[in-house]
Protein backbone atom coordinates (compact mmCIF):
# COMPACT_ATOMS: atom_id res chain seq x y z
CA SER A 1 -75.37 -45.70 61.06
CA THR A 2 -72.25 -45.41 58.99
CA CYS A 3 -71.60 -46.02 55.36
CA TRP A 4 -68.75 -46.47 52.96
CA LYS A 5 -68.35 -44.29 49.91
CA ASN A 6 -69.70 -46.24 46.93
CA GLU A 7 -66.45 -46.13 44.95
CA GLU A 8 -64.59 -47.66 47.91
CA LEU A 9 -67.13 -50.45 48.22
CA GLY A 10 -66.91 -51.26 44.54
CA SER A 11 -63.14 -51.64 44.51
CA ILE A 12 -63.13 -53.70 47.71
CA GLU A 13 -66.00 -55.90 46.58
CA ALA A 14 -64.30 -56.70 43.26
CA LYS A 15 -61.12 -57.75 45.07
CA ILE A 16 -63.05 -59.88 47.57
CA LEU A 17 -64.86 -61.72 44.77
CA ALA A 18 -61.56 -62.41 43.02
CA MET A 19 -59.88 -63.88 46.12
CA ARG A 20 -59.24 -67.58 46.47
CA PRO A 21 -57.98 -69.68 49.39
CA GLY A 22 -54.21 -69.43 49.58
CA ASP A 23 -54.15 -65.82 48.33
CA ALA A 24 -52.38 -63.36 50.60
CA PRO A 25 -54.60 -61.41 52.98
CA VAL A 26 -55.39 -57.84 51.89
CA THR A 27 -55.46 -54.94 54.34
CA TYR A 28 -57.30 -51.65 53.83
CA GLU A 29 -57.39 -48.51 55.91
CA ARG A 30 -60.65 -46.67 55.26
CA LYS A 31 -62.67 -43.83 56.69
CA LYS A 32 -66.36 -44.29 57.42
CA THR A 33 -68.55 -41.24 57.58
CA TRP A 34 -71.71 -40.87 59.59
CA VAL A 35 -74.92 -40.72 57.56
CA GLY A 36 -77.37 -37.94 58.33
CA SER A 37 -75.11 -35.85 60.55
CA ASP A 38 -72.28 -33.52 59.67
CA ASN A 39 -71.34 -33.04 63.32
CA ASP A 40 -70.28 -36.61 64.11
CA PRO A 41 -66.60 -37.43 63.72
CA ASP A 42 -65.35 -39.79 61.08
CA VAL A 43 -64.47 -43.33 62.10
CA TRP A 44 -61.32 -44.98 60.77
CA ARG A 45 -61.28 -48.74 60.22
CA LEU A 46 -58.53 -51.19 59.42
CA ILE A 47 -60.05 -53.96 57.35
CA LYS A 48 -58.19 -57.22 56.84
CA ILE A 49 -59.63 -59.61 54.25
CA ILE A 50 -58.40 -63.19 54.53
CA PRO A 51 -59.33 -65.78 51.91
CA THR A 52 -60.07 -69.15 53.50
CA ILE A 53 -62.23 -72.24 53.23
CA ASP A 54 -65.48 -72.61 55.15
CA PRO A 55 -64.77 -75.42 57.66
CA ILE A 56 -68.34 -76.70 57.52
CA THR A 57 -69.17 -76.62 53.81
CA GLY A 58 -65.68 -76.67 52.32
CA ASP A 59 -66.63 -73.76 50.05
CA ASP A 60 -64.33 -70.83 49.33
CA ALA A 61 -64.91 -68.15 51.94
CA VAL A 62 -63.52 -64.81 53.02
CA LEU A 63 -62.91 -63.80 56.62
CA ILE A 64 -63.20 -60.06 57.16
CA ASN A 65 -61.71 -58.52 60.28
CA GLU A 66 -62.64 -54.90 60.91
CA LEU A 67 -60.79 -52.95 63.61
CA ASP A 68 -61.52 -49.41 64.82
CA ILE A 69 -58.26 -47.44 64.47
CA THR A 70 -59.74 -43.97 64.88
CA ASN A 71 -57.55 -43.17 67.90
CA VAL A 72 -54.41 -44.32 66.09
CA VAL A 73 -55.21 -42.20 63.03
CA GLN A 74 -56.00 -39.19 65.23
CA LEU A 75 -52.66 -39.61 67.01
CA GLN A 76 -50.85 -39.91 63.66
CA MET A 77 -52.55 -36.75 62.40
CA ALA A 78 -51.71 -34.88 65.62
CA HIS A 79 -48.09 -36.06 65.37
CA SER A 80 -47.95 -34.92 61.75
CA GLU A 81 -49.34 -31.52 62.74
CA GLN A 82 -46.74 -31.26 65.52
CA ARG A 83 -43.94 -32.03 63.06
CA ALA A 84 -45.26 -29.35 60.69
CA LEU A 85 -45.44 -26.82 63.53
CA GLN A 86 -41.91 -27.70 64.62
CA LYS A 87 -40.67 -27.25 61.04
CA HIS A 88 -42.35 -23.83 60.78
CA ARG A 89 -40.93 -22.84 64.17
CA GLU A 90 -37.41 -23.83 63.08
CA GLU A 91 -37.77 -21.95 59.78
CA PHE A 92 -39.04 -18.87 61.62
CA PHE A 93 -36.16 -18.86 64.12
CA ALA A 94 -33.63 -19.44 61.35
CA ALA A 95 -35.01 -16.46 59.40
CA VAL A 96 -35.19 -14.22 62.48
CA SER A 97 -31.70 -15.26 63.56
CA HIS A 98 -30.33 -14.42 60.13
CA GLU A 99 -32.13 -11.07 60.01
CA LEU A 100 -30.84 -10.13 63.48
CA ARG A 101 -27.33 -11.47 63.01
CA THR A 102 -26.53 -9.26 60.01
CA PRO A 103 -27.16 -5.86 61.64
CA LEU A 104 -25.75 -7.04 64.98
CA ASN A 105 -22.52 -8.08 63.29
CA ALA A 106 -22.30 -4.60 61.76
CA ILE A 107 -22.90 -2.96 65.15
CA ILE A 108 -20.33 -5.19 66.86
CA GLY A 109 -17.77 -4.56 64.11
CA LEU A 110 -18.19 -0.78 64.26
CA THR A 111 -18.10 -0.84 68.07
CA GLU A 112 -14.86 -2.86 68.07
CA SER A 113 -13.39 -0.35 65.60
CA ILE A 114 -14.31 2.53 67.92
CA ILE A 115 -12.81 0.75 70.94
CA ALA A 116 -9.59 -0.04 69.04
CA ASN A 117 -9.19 3.58 67.85
CA PRO A 118 -6.65 5.36 70.11
CA ASN A 119 -8.15 8.79 69.30
CA VAL A 120 -11.51 7.93 70.90
CA PRO A 121 -12.17 9.55 74.31
CA PRO A 122 -11.97 7.00 77.21
CA ASP A 123 -15.61 7.52 78.23
CA LEU A 124 -16.81 6.61 74.73
CA GLY A 125 -14.50 3.56 74.71
CA ARG A 126 -15.97 2.33 78.03
CA THR A 127 -19.51 2.92 76.79
CA CYS A 128 -18.78 1.00 73.58
CA SER A 129 -17.24 -1.88 75.53
CA VAL A 130 -20.64 -2.44 77.14
CA ILE A 131 -22.09 -3.10 73.71
């Protein structure tokens, strides 16, 4: 069996009791946890509460529609994790690129200076042109 956390039930129950026909529907996204087992996954529910009138008695009534959205929430969480990983990857490559670019620019600059120097032996100039 599953259960709601008591504080969630209390806030939802108070809103349900205050609803009257004509009020706008209220939508909640809540997580249910399994009772008695820590190994079972949580279940996510989308709950839509619609105030209405009972067609038989004419009394105020509330229609509650509960939809399992566990797969949707899991996909959203996976997508969020992917975005975070992509952000970390981009930050890592930006840092590595910066750290490599600085010494490489120094090496390239010094190499170009050696190549441009007319007093450098031709063999050294050819070797530096490879760099």
